[in-house]
Amino acid sequence: MVQDRARLERQQVPSVDDDLLSRLNVIAIEASRSRDLRFIDALNYYYELLSNVTTPESEDTRLLFVSFLDFYAQALDTLSKEIAACA
């Protein structure tokens, strides 16, 4: 993920590929299962970075992007429920 971050930050207009989105999907799924906030932190970073990216061209890449957003939302929901349960 560090190499992806460096590559994306060097580009004028960041572009995403299927490999990056697949890894982000796996991280988002793990973030829903783990209490390790580093997963959420990484997802937050890539969410902000990818919000400046144009819509992916291929249908498969668009589906991976949408699934990333869904898994990311689920991870945030899980975290907020855990925080609420502790309060």
PDB file of N, CA and C in Angstrom:
ATOM      1  N   MET A   1       0.827  -1.188   0.000  1.00  0.00           N
ATOM      2  CA  MET A   1       0.000   0.000   0.000  1.00  0.00           C
ATOM      3  C   MET A   1       0.876   1.260   0.000  1.00  0.00           C
ATOM      4  N   VAL A   2       2.054   1.179   0.573  1.00  0.00           N
ATOM      5  CA  VAL A   2       2.936   2.346   0.596  1.00  0.00           C
ATOM      6  C   VAL A   2       3.354   2.720  -0.823  1.00  0.00           C
ATOM      7  N   GLN A   3       3.654   1.716  -1.660  1.00  0.00           N
ATOM      8  CA  GLN A   3       4.026   2.005  -3.040  1.00  0.00           C
ATOM      9  C   GLN A   3       2.864   2.643  -3.793  1.00  0.00           C
ATOM     10  N   ASP A   4       1.651   2.183  -3.534  1.00  0.00           N
ATOM     11  CA  ASP A   4       0.472   2.759  -4.183  1.00  0.00           C
ATOM     12  C   ASP A   4       0.309   4.217  -3.774  1.00  0.00           C
ATOM     13  N   ARG A   5       0.505   4.469  -2.516  1.00  0.00           N
ATOM     14  CA  ARG A   5       0.361   5.840  -2.007  1.00  0.00           C
ATOM     15  C   ARG A   5       1.369   6.765  -2.679  1.00  0.00           C
ATOM     16  N   ALA A   6       2.615   6.339  -2.752  1.00  0.00           N
ATOM     17  CA  ALA A   6       3.656   7.159  -3.370  1.00  0.00           C
ATOM     18  C   ALA A   6       3.347   7.386  -4.854  1.00  0.00           C
ATOM     19  N   ARG A   7       2.915   6.333  -5.543  1.00  0.00           N
ATOM     20  CA  ARG A   7       2.593   6.458  -6.968  1.00  0.00           C
ATOM     21  C   ARG A   7       1.434   7.420  -7.188  1.00  0.00           C
ATOM     22  N   LEU A   8       0.393   7.290  -6.399  1.00  0.00           N
ATOM     23  CA  LEU A   8      -0.779   8.152  -6.552  1.00  0.00           C
ATOM     24  C   LEU A   8      -0.452   9.609  -6.231  1.00  0.00           C
ATOM     25  N   GLU A   9       0.390   9.820  -5.242  1.00  0.00           N
ATOM     26  CA  GLU A   9       0.732  11.187  -4.864  1.00  0.00           C
ATOM     27  C   GLU A   9       1.610  11.866  -5.913  1.00  0.00           C
ATOM     28  N   ARG A  10       2.375  11.087  -6.678  1.00  0.00           N
ATOM     29  CA  ARG A  10       3.222  11.657  -7.727  1.00  0.00           C
ATOM     30  C   ARG A  10       2.419  12.067  -8.955  1.00  0.00           C
ATOM     31  N   GLN A  11       1.283  11.440  -9.195  1.00  0.00           N
ATOM     32  CA  GLN A  11       0.499  11.700 -10.405  1.00  0.00           C
ATOM     33  C   GLN A  11      -0.262  13.014 -10.277  1.00  0.00           C
ATOM     34  N   GLN A  12      -0.341  13.735 -11.391  1.00  0.00           N
ATOM     35  CA  GLN A  12      -1.124  14.966 -11.425  1.00  0.00           C
ATOM     36  C   GLN A  12      -2.599  14.648 -11.195  1.00  0.00           C
ATOM     37  N   VAL A  13      -3.103  13.680 -11.947  1.00  0.00           N
ATOM     38  CA  VAL A  13      -4.480  13.219 -11.779  1.00  0.00           C
ATOM     39  C   VAL A  13      -4.397  11.755 -11.390  1.00  0.00           C
ATOM     40  N   PRO A  14      -4.610  11.446 -10.121  1.00  0.00           N
ATOM     41  CA  PRO A  14      -4.474  10.053  -9.691  1.00  0.00           C
ATOM     42  C   PRO A  14      -5.446   9.126 -10.431  1.00  0.00           C
ATOM     43  N   SER A  15      -4.965   7.964 -10.775  1.00  0.00           N
ATOM     44  CA  SER A  15      -5.828   6.970 -11.399  1.00  0.00           C
ATOM     45  C   SER A  15      -5.760   5.700 -10.563  1.00  0.00           C
ATOM     46  N   VAL A  16      -6.824   4.971 -10.579  1.00  0.00           N
ATOM     47  CA  VAL A  16      -6.880   3.748  -9.777  1.00  0.00           C
ATOM     48  C   VAL A  16      -6.889   2.550 -10.707  1.00  0.00           C
ATOM     49  N   ASP A  17      -6.386   1.452 -10.199  1.00  0.00           N
ATOM     50  CA  ASP A  17      -6.428   0.223 -10.972  1.00  0.00           C
ATOM     51  C   ASP A  17      -7.096  -0.859 -10.135  1.00  0.00           C
ATOM     52  N   ASP A  18      -7.385  -1.960 -10.792  1.00  0.00           N
ATOM     53  CA  ASP A  18      -8.107  -3.054 -10.142  1.00  0.00           C
ATOM     54  C   ASP A  18      -7.331  -3.629  -8.961  1.00  0.00           C
ATOM     55  N   ASP A  19      -6.005  -3.699  -9.076  1.00  0.00           N
ATOM     56  CA  ASP A  19      -5.201  -4.252  -7.979  1.00  0.00           C
ATOM     57  C   ASP A  19      -5.346  -3.409  -6.710  1.00  0.00           C
ATOM     58  N   LEU A  20      -5.225  -2.098  -6.861  1.00  0.00           N
ATOM     59  CA  LEU A  20      -5.355  -1.207  -5.708  1.00  0.00           C
ATOM     60  C   LEU A  20      -6.743  -1.337  -5.085  1.00  0.00           C
ATOM     61  N   LEU A  21      -7.758  -1.312  -5.918  1.00  0.00           N
ATOM     62  CA  LEU A  21      -9.120  -1.402  -5.384  1.00  0.00           C
ATOM     63  C   LEU A  21      -9.392  -2.750  -4.737  1.00  0.00           C
ATOM     64  N   SER A  22      -8.823  -3.810  -5.287  1.00  0.00           N
ATOM     65  CA  SER A  22      -8.991  -5.135  -4.671  1.00  0.00           C
ATOM     66  C   SER A  22      -8.358  -5.164  -3.280  1.00  0.00           C
ATOM     67  N   ARG A  23      -7.159  -4.598  -3.165  1.00  0.00           N
ATOM     68  CA  ARG A  23      -6.500  -4.554  -1.852  1.00  0.00           C
ATOM     69  C   ARG A  23      -7.289  -3.689  -0.868  1.00  0.00           C
ATOM     70  N   LEU A  24      -7.821  -2.576  -1.345  1.00  0.00           N
ATOM     71  CA  LEU A  24      -8.618  -1.715  -0.464  1.00  0.00           C
ATOM     72  C   LEU A  24      -9.887  -2.427  -0.001  1.00  0.00           C
ATOM     73  N   ASN A  25     -10.477  -3.227  -0.871  1.00  0.00           N
ATOM     74  CA  ASN A  25     -11.655  -3.997  -0.466  1.00  0.00           C
ATOM     75  C   ASN A  25     -11.309  -4.975   0.644  1.00  0.00           C
ATOM     76  N   VAL A  26     -10.175  -5.649   0.516  1.00  0.00           N
ATOM     77  CA  VAL A  26      -9.754  -6.605   1.548  1.00  0.00           C
ATOM     78  C   VAL A  26      -9.483  -5.878   2.871  1.00  0.00           C
ATOM     79  N   ILE A  27      -8.826  -4.728   2.787  1.00  0.00           N
ATOM     80  CA  ILE A  27      -8.545  -3.958   4.000  1.00  0.00           C
ATOM     81  C   ILE A  27      -9.848  -3.499   4.649  1.00  0.00           C
ATOM     82  N   ALA A  28     -10.805  -3.079   3.843  1.00  0.00           N
ATOM     83  CA  ALA A  28     -12.083  -2.623   4.389  1.00  0.00           C
ATOM     84  C   ALA A  28     -12.840  -3.766   5.064  1.00  0.00           C
ATOM     85  N   ILE A  29     -12.783  -4.940   4.479  1.00  0.00           N
ATOM     86  CA  ILE A  29     -13.432  -6.105   5.104  1.00  0.00           C
ATOM     87  C   ILE A  29     -12.749  -6.420   6.430  1.00  0.00           C
ATOM     88  N   GLU A  30     -11.423  -6.412   6.443  1.00  0.00           N
ATOM     89  CA  GLU A  30     -10.691  -6.680   7.681  1.00  0.00           C
ATOM     90  C   GLU A  30     -10.968  -5.603   8.722  1.00  0.00           C
ATOM     91  N   ALA A  31     -11.130  -4.363   8.283  1.00  0.00           N
ATOM     92  CA  ALA A  31     -11.419  -3.265   9.217  1.00  0.00           C
ATOM     93  C   ALA A  31     -12.749  -3.488   9.938  1.00  0.00           C
ATOM     94  N   SER A  32     -13.686  -4.139   9.274  1.00  0.00           N
ATOM     95  CA  SER A  32     -14.974  -4.442   9.915  1.00  0.00           C
ATOM     96  C   SER A  32     -14.842  -5.515  10.979  1.00  0.00           C
ATOM     97  N   ARG A  33     -13.813  -6.340  10.855  1.00  0.00           N
ATOM     98  CA  ARG A  33     -13.632  -7.461  11.775  1.00  0.00           C
ATOM     99  C   ARG A  33     -12.632  -7.174  12.880  1.00  0.00           C
ATOM    100  N   SER A  34     -11.807  -6.167  12.689  1.00  0.00           N
ATOM    101  CA  SER A  34     -10.702  -5.897  13.597  1.00  0.00           C
ATOM    102  C   SER A  34     -10.957  -4.634  14.411  1.00  0.00           C
ATOM    103  N   ARG A  35     -10.321  -4.553  15.537  1.00  0.00           N
ATOM    104  CA  ARG A  35     -10.383  -3.327  16.339  1.00  0.00           C
ATOM    105  C   ARG A  35      -9.152  -2.451  16.124  1.00  0.00           C
ATOM    106  N   ASP A  36      -8.337  -2.829  15.166  1.00  0.00           N
ATOM    107  CA  ASP A  36      -7.113  -2.096  14.860  1.00  0.00           C
ATOM    108  C   ASP A  36      -7.470  -0.867  14.024  1.00  0.00           C
ATOM    109  N   LEU A  37      -7.281   0.301  14.596  1.00  0.00           N
ATOM    110  CA  LEU A  37      -7.670   1.541  13.931  1.00  0.00           C
ATOM    111  C   LEU A  37      -6.766   1.909  12.761  1.00  0.00           C
ATOM    112  N   ARG A  38      -5.653   1.224  12.616  1.00  0.00           N
ATOM    113  CA  ARG A  38      -4.776   1.499  11.472  1.00  0.00           C
ATOM    114  C   ARG A  38      -5.469   1.164  10.154  1.00  0.00           C
ATOM    115  N   PHE A  39      -6.348   0.151  10.181  1.00  0.00           N
ATOM    116  CA  PHE A  39      -7.102  -0.174   8.968  1.00  0.00           C
ATOM    117  C   PHE A  39      -8.019   0.984   8.585  1.00  0.00           C
ATOM    118  N   ILE A  40      -8.749   1.510   9.560  1.00  0.00           N
ATOM    119  CA  ILE A  40      -9.641   2.644   9.300  1.00  0.00           C
ATOM    120  C   ILE A  40      -8.835   3.858   8.853  1.00  0.00           C
ATOM    121  N   ASP A  41      -7.700   4.080   9.473  1.00  0.00           N
ATOM    122  CA  ASP A  41      -6.861   5.212   9.096  1.00  0.00           C
ATOM    123  C   ASP A  41      -6.421   5.100   7.636  1.00  0.00           C
ATOM    124  N   ALA A  42      -6.002   3.925   7.224  1.00  0.00           N
ATOM    125  CA  ALA A  42      -5.602   3.718   5.823  1.00  0.00           C
ATOM    126  C   ALA A  42      -6.782   3.935   4.887  1.00  0.00           C
ATOM    127  N   LEU A  43      -7.940   3.426   5.263  1.00  0.00           N
ATOM    128  CA  LEU A  43      -9.129   3.613   4.429  1.00  0.00           C
ATOM    129  C   LEU A  43      -9.511   5.079   4.322  1.00  0.00           C
ATOM    130  N   ASN A  44      -9.408   5.803   5.426  1.00  0.00           N
ATOM    131  CA  ASN A  44      -9.708   7.238   5.403  1.00  0.00           C
ATOM    132  C   ASN A  44      -8.783   7.959   4.424  1.00  0.00           C
ATOM    133  N   TYR A  45      -7.503   7.631   4.479  1.00  0.00           N
ATOM    134  CA  TYR A  45      -6.535   8.270   3.590  1.00  0.00           C
ATOM    135  C   TYR A  45      -6.907   8.023   2.128  1.00  0.00           C
ATOM    136  N   TYR A  46      -7.136   6.759   1.771  1.00  0.00           N
ATOM    137  CA  TYR A  46      -7.433   6.443   0.378  1.00  0.00           C
ATOM    138  C   TYR A  46      -8.795   6.980  -0.045  1.00  0.00           C
ATOM    139  N   TYR A  47      -9.752   7.013   0.858  1.00  0.00           N
ATOM    140  CA  TYR A  47     -11.052   7.603   0.522  1.00  0.00           C
ATOM    141  C   TYR A  47     -10.880   9.070   0.128  1.00  0.00           C
ATOM    142  N   GLU A  48     -10.124   9.811   0.917  1.00  0.00           N
ATOM    143  CA  GLU A  48      -9.891  11.225   0.601  1.00  0.00           C
ATOM    144  C   GLU A  48      -9.116  11.373  -0.702  1.00  0.00           C
ATOM    145  N   LEU A  49      -8.127  10.551  -0.906  1.00  0.00           N
ATOM    146  CA  LEU A  49      -7.331  10.620  -2.122  1.00  0.00           C
ATOM    147  C   LEU A  49      -8.171  10.268  -3.350  1.00  0.00           C
ATOM    148  N   LEU A  50      -8.973   9.223  -3.234  1.00  0.00           N
ATOM    149  CA  LEU A  50      -9.753   8.761  -4.375  1.00  0.00           C
ATOM    150  C   LEU A  50     -10.966   9.637  -4.661  1.00  0.00           C
ATOM    151  N   SER A  51     -11.333  10.504  -3.741  1.00  0.00           N
ATOM    152  CA  SER A  51     -12.475  11.392  -4.012  1.00  0.00           C
ATOM    153  C   SER A  51     -12.124  12.403  -5.108  1.00  0.00           C
ATOM    154  N   ASN A  52     -10.831  12.570  -5.406  1.00  0.00           N
ATOM    155  CA  ASN A  52     -10.389  13.485  -6.461  1.00  0.00           C
ATOM    156  C   ASN A  52     -10.156  12.781  -7.792  1.00  0.00           C
ATOM    157  N   VAL A  53     -10.440  11.494  -7.849  1.00  0.00           N
ATOM    158  CA  VAL A  53     -10.190  10.714  -9.051  1.00  0.00           C
ATOM    159  C   VAL A  53     -11.437  10.727  -9.932  1.00  0.00           C
ATOM    160  N   THR A  54     -11.222  10.797 -11.229  1.00  0.00           N
ATOM    161  CA  THR A  54     -12.363  10.712 -12.134  1.00  0.00           C
ATOM    162  C   THR A  54     -12.934   9.296 -12.101  1.00  0.00           C
ATOM    163  N   THR A  55     -14.138   9.150 -12.575  1.00  0.00           N
ATOM    164  CA  THR A  55     -14.799   7.852 -12.575  1.00  0.00           C
ATOM    165  C   THR A  55     -13.976   6.852 -13.392  1.00  0.00           C
ATOM    166  N   PRO A  56     -13.717   5.690 -12.822  1.00  0.00           N
ATOM    167  CA  PRO A  56     -12.955   4.675 -13.557  1.00  0.00           C
ATOM    168  C   PRO A  56     -13.631   4.332 -14.886  1.00  0.00           C
ATOM    169  N   GLU A  57     -12.815   4.021 -15.877  1.00  0.00           N
ATOM    170  CA  GLU A  57     -13.345   3.797 -17.222  1.00  0.00           C
ATOM    171  C   GLU A  57     -14.021   2.446 -17.392  1.00  0.00           C
ATOM    172  N   SER A  58     -13.427   1.395 -16.887  1.00  0.00           N
ATOM    173  CA  SER A  58     -13.998   0.069 -17.127  1.00  0.00           C
ATOM    174  C   SER A  58     -15.093  -0.246 -16.111  1.00  0.00           C
ATOM    175  N   GLU A  59     -16.008  -1.085 -16.536  1.00  0.00           N
ATOM    176  CA  GLU A  59     -17.123  -1.493 -15.678  1.00  0.00           C
ATOM    177  C   GLU A  59     -16.623  -2.255 -14.455  1.00  0.00           C
ATOM    178  N   ASP A  60     -15.638  -3.124 -14.656  1.00  0.00           N
ATOM    179  CA  ASP A  60     -15.084  -3.897 -13.533  1.00  0.00           C
ATOM    180  C   ASP A  60     -14.455  -2.981 -12.490  1.00  0.00           C
ATOM    181  N   THR A  61     -13.722  -1.982 -12.943  1.00  0.00           N
ATOM    182  CA  THR A  61     -13.081  -1.055 -12.018  1.00  0.00           C
ATOM    183  C   THR A  61     -14.129  -0.234 -11.277  1.00  0.00           C
ATOM    184  N   ARG A  62     -15.183   0.174 -11.966  1.00  0.00           N
ATOM    185  CA  ARG A  62     -16.272   0.904 -11.295  1.00  0.00           C
ATOM    186  C   ARG A  62     -16.919   0.043 -10.216  1.00  0.00           C
ATOM    187  N   LEU A  63     -17.131  -1.238 -10.520  1.00  0.00           N
ATOM    188  CA  LEU A  63     -17.731  -2.143  -9.526  1.00  0.00           C
ATOM    189  C   LEU A  63     -16.816  -2.312  -8.313  1.00  0.00           C
ATOM    190  N   LEU A  64     -15.519  -2.443  -8.549  1.00  0.00           N
ATOM    191  CA  LEU A  64     -14.578  -2.536  -7.428  1.00  0.00           C
ATOM    192  C   LEU A  64     -14.581  -1.261  -6.600  1.00  0.00           C
ATOM    193  N   PHE A  65     -14.698  -0.112  -7.263  1.00  0.00           N
ATOM    194  CA  PHE A  65     -14.726   1.163  -6.552  1.00  0.00           C
ATOM    195  C   PHE A  65     -15.986   1.263  -5.691  1.00  0.00           C
ATOM    196  N   VAL A  66     -17.131   0.886  -6.246  1.00  0.00           N
ATOM    197  CA  VAL A  66     -18.383   0.922  -5.489  1.00  0.00           C
ATOM    198  C   VAL A  66     -18.332  -0.058  -4.326  1.00  0.00           C
ATOM    199  N   SER A  67     -17.769  -1.246  -4.554  1.00  0.00           N
ATOM    200  CA  SER A  67     -17.684  -2.211  -3.453  1.00  0.00           C
ATOM    201  C   SER A  67     -16.740  -1.699  -2.369  1.00  0.00           C
ATOM    202  N   PHE A  68     -15.659  -1.009  -2.756  1.00  0.00           N
ATOM    203  CA  PHE A  68     -14.776  -0.397  -1.759  1.00  0.00           C
ATOM    204  C   PHE A  68     -15.558   0.595  -0.903  1.00  0.00           C
ATOM    205  N   LEU A  69     -16.338   1.451  -1.547  1.00  0.00           N
ATOM    206  CA  LEU A  69     -17.125   2.433  -0.789  1.00  0.00           C
ATOM    207  C   LEU A  69     -18.111   1.757   0.151  1.00  0.00           C
ATOM    208  N   ASP A  70     -18.715   0.661  -0.311  1.00  0.00           N
ATOM    209  CA  ASP A  70     -19.669  -0.072   0.535  1.00  0.00           C
ATOM    210  C   ASP A  70     -18.968  -0.715   1.729  1.00  0.00           C
ATOM    211  N   PHE A  71     -17.865  -1.405   1.485  1.00  0.00           N
ATOM    212  CA  PHE A  71     -17.129  -2.044   2.589  1.00  0.00           C
ATOM    213  C   PHE A  71     -16.568  -0.997   3.556  1.00  0.00           C
ATOM    214  N   TYR A  72     -16.131   0.118   3.027  1.00  0.00           N
ATOM    215  CA  TYR A  72     -15.624   1.214   3.866  1.00  0.00           C
ATOM    216  C   TYR A  72     -16.741   1.742   4.762  1.00  0.00           C
ATOM    217  N   ALA A  73     -17.920   1.941   4.191  1.00  0.00           N
ATOM    218  CA  ALA A  73     -19.067   2.407   4.981  1.00  0.00           C
ATOM    219  C   ALA A  73     -19.424   1.394   6.069  1.00  0.00           C
ATOM    220  N   GLN A  74     -19.367   0.114   5.739  1.00  0.00           N
ATOM    221  CA  GLN A  74     -19.650  -0.921   6.732  1.00  0.00           C
ATOM    222  C   GLN A  74     -18.626  -0.899   7.858  1.00  0.00           C
ATOM    223  N   ALA A  75     -17.361  -0.694   7.504  1.00  0.00           N
ATOM    224  CA  ALA A  75     -16.303  -0.640   8.530  1.00  0.00           C
ATOM    225  C   ALA A  75     -16.527   0.550   9.457  1.00  0.00           C
ATOM    226  N   LEU A  76     -16.891   1.700   8.893  1.00  0.00           N
ATOM    227  CA  LEU A  76     -17.175   2.876   9.721  1.00  0.00           C
ATOM    228  C   LEU A  76     -18.387   2.652  10.606  1.00  0.00           C
ATOM    229  N   ASP A  77     -19.398   1.979  10.073  1.00  0.00           N
ATOM    230  CA  ASP A  77     -20.595   1.683  10.856  1.00  0.00           C
ATOM    231  C   ASP A  77     -20.265   0.755  12.025  1.00  0.00           C
ATOM    232  N   THR A  78     -19.468  -0.259  11.758  1.00  0.00           N
ATOM    233  CA  THR A  78     -19.051  -1.187  12.814  1.00  0.00           C
ATOM    234  C   THR A  78     -18.280  -0.447  13.902  1.00  0.00           C
ATOM    235  N   LEU A  79     -17.357   0.418  13.487  1.00  0.00           N
ATOM    236  CA  LEU A  79     -16.579   1.190  14.454  1.00  0.00           C
ATOM    237  C   LEU A  79     -17.463   2.109  15.282  1.00  0.00           C
ATOM    238  N   SER A  80     -18.406   2.776  14.642  1.00  0.00           N
ATOM    239  CA  SER A  80     -19.277   3.691  15.398  1.00  0.00           C
ATOM    240  C   SER A  80     -20.154   2.930  16.385  1.00  0.00           C
ATOM    241  N   LYS A  81     -20.582   1.729  16.035  1.00  0.00           N
ATOM    242  CA  LYS A  81     -21.380   0.920  16.962  1.00  0.00           C
ATOM    243  C   LYS A  81     -20.547   0.467  18.152  1.00  0.00           C
ATOM    244  N   GLU A  82     -19.298   0.117  17.902  1.00  0.00           N
ATOM    245  CA  GLU A  82     -18.403  -0.287  19.006  1.00  0.00           C
ATOM    246  C   GLU A  82     -18.136   0.892  19.942  1.00  0.00           C
ATOM    247  N   ILE A  83     -17.968   2.068  19.383  1.00  0.00           N
ATOM    248  CA  ILE A  83     -17.737   3.257  20.204  1.00  0.00           C
ATOM    249  C   ILE A  83     -18.982   3.570  21.025  1.00  0.00           C
ATOM    250  N   ALA A  84     -20.153   3.463  20.405  1.00  0.00           N
ATOM    251  CA  ALA A  84     -21.391   3.747  21.116  1.00  0.00           C
ATOM    252  C   ALA A  84     -21.620   2.728  22.252  1.00  0.00           C
ATOM    253  N   ALA A  85     -21.222   1.495  22.022  1.00  0.00           N
ATOM    254  CA  ALA A  85     -21.399   0.469  23.042  1.00  0.00           C
ATOM    255  C   ALA A  85     -20.501   0.718  24.253  1.00  0.00           C
ATOM    256  N   CYS A  86     -19.378   1.381  24.044  1.00  0.00           N
ATOM    257  CA  CYS A  86     -18.453   1.681  25.143  1.00  0.00           C
ATOM    258  C   CYS A  86     -18.877   2.903  25.937  1.00  0.00           C
ATOM    259  N   ALA A  87     -19.724   3.715  25.345  1.00  0.00           N
ATOM    260  CA  ALA A  87     -20.124   4.973  26.004  1.00  0.00           C
ATOM    261  C   ALA A  87     -21.159   4.758  27.065  1.00  0.00           C
TER     262      ALA A  87
END
